[in-house]
Amino acid sequence: MRAFAWLLSVLYCQTMNEKSHWRTRWLELAHTWEERLSEAGLLGVARPLSEALRPLAPLLAQFLWIAQPAFGLFGQAGAVGALAELLEEPDQLNNPSGADFGHTQQSQDR
């Protein structure tokens, strides 16, 4: 019985580490896209588009939760789960670097 509990705790920790890893990667990707859009001068277009699509983020998150087992067949369940968690709280994605998405450019322009 103790061996089973130990195994479950090891698997749980591994899953949590994987989620943390993917969450960090998704946030880094969001930050990279923010920088690229800023360099291309498209941040002014991306900001309103991001705000317009924000209400759809929880719906997309629910779709990802449903599709997660299928992605698990390809070894990507952790990546999809982490993205779904971020989409359930859109402020997390909008705030990858500690500043609102797009608002970094505004503060630099002042």
C-alpha atoms as a PDB file:
ATOM      1  CA  MET A   1       0.000   0.000   0.000  1.00  0.00           C
ATOM      2  CA  ARG A   2       2.842   2.399   0.828  1.00  0.00           C
ATOM      3  CA  ALA A   3       4.515   1.637  -2.497  1.00  0.00           C
ATOM      4  CA  PHE A   4       1.325   2.582  -4.319  1.00  0.00           C
ATOM      5  CA  ALA A   5       1.045   5.867  -2.408  1.00  0.00           C
ATOM      6  CA  TRP A   6       4.688   6.607  -3.132  1.00  0.00           C
ATOM      7  CA  LEU A   7       4.185   5.891  -6.836  1.00  0.00           C
ATOM      8  CA  LEU A   8       1.171   8.184  -6.960  1.00  0.00           C
ATOM      9  CA  SER A   9       3.093  10.984  -5.269  1.00  0.00           C
ATOM     10  CA  VAL A  10       5.989  10.603  -7.732  1.00  0.00           C
ATOM     11  CA  LEU A  11       3.634  10.662 -10.721  1.00  0.00           C
ATOM     12  CA  TYR A  12       1.786  13.680  -9.311  1.00  0.00           C
ATOM     13  CA  CYS A  13       5.043  15.600  -8.795  1.00  0.00           C
ATOM     14  CA  GLN A  14       6.204  14.738 -12.299  1.00  0.00           C
ATOM     15  CA  THR A  15       2.902  15.952 -13.748  1.00  0.00           C
ATOM     16  CA  MET A  16       3.075  19.201 -11.766  1.00  0.00           C
ATOM     17  CA  ASN A  17       6.666  19.804 -12.874  1.00  0.00           C
ATOM     18  CA  GLU A  18       5.644  19.206 -16.481  1.00  0.00           C
ATOM     19  CA  LYS A  19       2.748  21.668 -16.165  1.00  0.00           C
ATOM     20  CA  SER A  20       5.047  24.250 -14.616  1.00  0.00           C
ATOM     21  CA  HIS A  21       7.551  23.718 -17.426  1.00  0.00           C
ATOM     22  CA  TRP A  22       4.910  24.154 -20.126  1.00  0.00           C
ATOM     23  CA  ARG A  23       3.334  27.130 -18.388  1.00  0.00           C
ATOM     24  CA  THR A  24       6.730  28.848 -18.383  1.00  0.00           C
ATOM     25  CA  ARG A  25       7.230  28.010 -22.050  1.00  0.00           C
ATOM     26  CA  TRP A  26       3.805  29.397 -23.023  1.00  0.00           C
ATOM     27  CA  LEU A  27       4.481  32.620 -21.104  1.00  0.00           C
ATOM     28  CA  GLU A  28       7.907  32.953 -22.748  1.00  0.00           C
ATOM     29  CA  LEU A  29       6.267  32.443 -26.149  1.00  0.00           C
ATOM     30  CA  ALA A  30       3.697  35.156 -25.383  1.00  0.00           C
ATOM     31  CA  HIS A  31       6.496  37.502 -24.339  1.00  0.00           C
ATOM     32  CA  THR A  32       8.445  36.722 -27.531  1.00  0.00           C
ATOM     33  CA  TRP A  33       5.397  37.477 -29.666  1.00  0.00           C
ATOM     34  CA  GLU A  34       4.872  40.724 -27.781  1.00  0.00           C
ATOM     35  CA  GLU A  35       8.449  41.752 -28.569  1.00  0.00           C
ATOM     36  CA  ARG A  36       8.143  40.748 -32.228  1.00  0.00           C
ATOM     37  CA  LEU A  37       4.903  42.652 -32.668  1.00  0.00           C
ATOM     38  CA  SER A  38       6.461  45.671 -31.005  1.00  0.00           C
ATOM     39  CA  GLU A  39       9.512  45.535 -33.280  1.00  0.00           C
ATOM     40  CA  ALA A  40       7.266  45.221 -36.343  1.00  0.00           C
ATOM     41  CA  GLY A  41       5.121  48.149 -35.217  1.00  0.00           C
ATOM     42  CA  LEU A  42       2.010  45.953 -35.050  1.00  0.00           C
ATOM     43  CA  LEU A  43       1.411  46.179 -31.322  1.00  0.00           C
ATOM     44  CA  GLY A  44      -1.258  48.824 -31.891  1.00  0.00           C
ATOM     45  CA  VAL A  45      -3.194  46.347 -34.038  1.00  0.00           C
ATOM     46  CA  ALA A  46      -2.600  43.347 -31.772  1.00  0.00           C
ATOM     47  CA  ARG A  47      -3.828  45.089 -28.615  1.00  0.00           C
ATOM     48  CA  PRO A  48      -7.433  45.712 -29.780  1.00  0.00           C
ATOM     49  CA  LEU A  49      -7.536  42.279 -31.407  1.00  0.00           C
ATOM     50  CA  SER A  50      -6.404  40.695 -28.150  1.00  0.00           C
ATOM     51  CA  GLU A  51      -9.062  42.592 -26.218  1.00  0.00           C
ATOM     52  CA  ALA A  52     -11.768  41.624 -28.727  1.00  0.00           C
ATOM     53  CA  LEU A  53     -10.887  37.927 -28.529  1.00  0.00           C
ATOM     54  CA  ARG A  54     -10.466  37.823 -24.743  1.00  0.00           C
ATOM     55  CA  PRO A  55     -14.072  36.663 -24.070  1.00  0.00           C
ATOM     56  CA  LEU A  56     -13.421  33.582 -26.230  1.00  0.00           C
ATOM     57  CA  ALA A  57     -10.410  32.452 -24.184  1.00  0.00           C
ATOM     58  CA  PRO A  58     -12.405  30.434 -21.595  1.00  0.00           C
ATOM     59  CA  LEU A  59     -14.320  28.734 -24.409  1.00  0.00           C
ATOM     60  CA  LEU A  60     -11.063  27.785 -26.119  1.00  0.00           C
ATOM     61  CA  ALA A  61      -9.735  26.560 -22.763  1.00  0.00           C
ATOM     62  CA  GLN A  62     -12.713  24.236 -22.394  1.00  0.00           C
ATOM     63  CA  PHE A  63     -12.142  22.906 -25.913  1.00  0.00           C
ATOM     64  CA  LEU A  64      -8.506  22.223 -25.027  1.00  0.00           C
ATOM     65  CA  TRP A  65      -9.527  20.351 -21.850  1.00  0.00           C
ATOM     66  CA  ILE A  66     -11.779  18.147 -23.983  1.00  0.00           C
ATOM     67  CA  ALA A  67      -9.050  17.587 -26.580  1.00  0.00           C
ATOM     68  CA  GLN A  68      -6.259  17.039 -24.035  1.00  0.00           C
ATOM     69  CA  PRO A  69      -6.538  13.213 -23.996  1.00  0.00           C
ATOM     70  CA  ALA A  70      -6.113  13.130 -27.771  1.00  0.00           C
ATOM     71  CA  PHE A  71      -3.000  15.303 -27.516  1.00  0.00           C
ATOM     72  CA  GLY A  72      -1.790  12.916 -24.824  1.00  0.00           C
ATOM     73  CA  LEU A  73      -1.455  10.250 -27.507  1.00  0.00           C
ATOM     74  CA  PHE A  74       1.297  12.398 -29.012  1.00  0.00           C
ATOM     75  CA  GLY A  75       2.899  13.236 -25.667  1.00  0.00           C
ATOM     76  CA  GLN A  76       1.566  16.785 -25.557  1.00  0.00           C
ATOM     77  CA  ALA A  77      -1.043  16.518 -22.794  1.00  0.00           C
ATOM     78  CA  GLY A  78       1.040  18.676 -20.442  1.00  0.00           C
ATOM     79  CA  ALA A  79       1.443  21.429 -23.025  1.00  0.00           C
ATOM     80  CA  VAL A  80      -2.262  21.497 -23.800  1.00  0.00           C
ATOM     81  CA  GLY A  81      -3.226  21.411 -20.120  1.00  0.00           C
ATOM     82  CA  ALA A  82      -0.908  24.301 -19.278  1.00  0.00           C
ATOM     83  CA  LEU A  83      -2.279  26.368 -22.173  1.00  0.00           C
ATOM     84  CA  ALA A  84      -5.840  25.607 -21.096  1.00  0.00           C
ATOM     85  CA  GLU A  85      -5.053  26.787 -17.562  1.00  0.00           C
ATOM     86  CA  LEU A  86      -3.587  30.018 -18.899  1.00  0.00           C
ATOM     87  CA  LEU A  87      -6.580  30.609 -21.153  1.00  0.00           C
ATOM     88  CA  GLU A  88      -8.977  30.149 -18.248  1.00  0.00           C
ATOM     89  CA  GLU A  89      -7.337  33.227 -16.735  1.00  0.00           C
ATOM     90  CA  PRO A  90      -6.659  35.518 -19.734  1.00  0.00           C
ATOM     91  CA  ASP A  91      -4.937  38.097 -17.527  1.00  0.00           C
ATOM     92  CA  GLN A  92      -2.122  35.560 -17.078  1.00  0.00           C
ATOM     93  CA  LEU A  93      -1.445  35.509 -20.825  1.00  0.00           C
ATOM     94  CA  ASN A  94      -1.925  39.232 -21.155  1.00  0.00           C
ATOM     95  CA  ASN A  95       0.666  39.782 -18.473  1.00  0.00           C
ATOM     96  CA  PRO A  96       3.630  37.563 -19.440  1.00  0.00           C
ATOM     97  CA  SER A  97       6.347  39.998 -18.454  1.00  0.00           C
ATOM     98  CA  GLY A  98       4.707  41.852 -15.597  1.00  0.00           C
ATOM     99  CA  ALA A  99       3.158  44.500 -17.841  1.00  0.00           C
ATOM    100  CA  ASP A 100      -0.076  44.410 -19.787  1.00  0.00           C
ATOM    101  CA  PHE A 101       0.245  43.130 -23.331  1.00  0.00           C
ATOM    102  CA  GLY A 102       0.913  46.125 -25.505  1.00  0.00           C
ATOM    103  CA  HIS A 103       1.046  48.599 -22.678  1.00  0.00           C
ATOM    104  CA  THR A 104       4.836  48.247 -22.480  1.00  0.00           C
ATOM    105  CA  GLN A 105       5.139  50.154 -25.746  1.00  0.00           C
ATOM    106  CA  GLN A 106       2.821  52.907 -24.501  1.00  0.00           C
ATOM    107  CA  SER A 107       4.897  53.448 -21.375  1.00  0.00           C
ATOM    108  CA  GLN A 108       8.100  53.583 -23.448  1.00  0.00           C
ATOM    109  CA  ASP A 109       6.619  56.181 -25.808  1.00  0.00           C
ATOM    110  CA  ARG A 110       5.899  58.624 -22.986  1.00  0.00           C
END
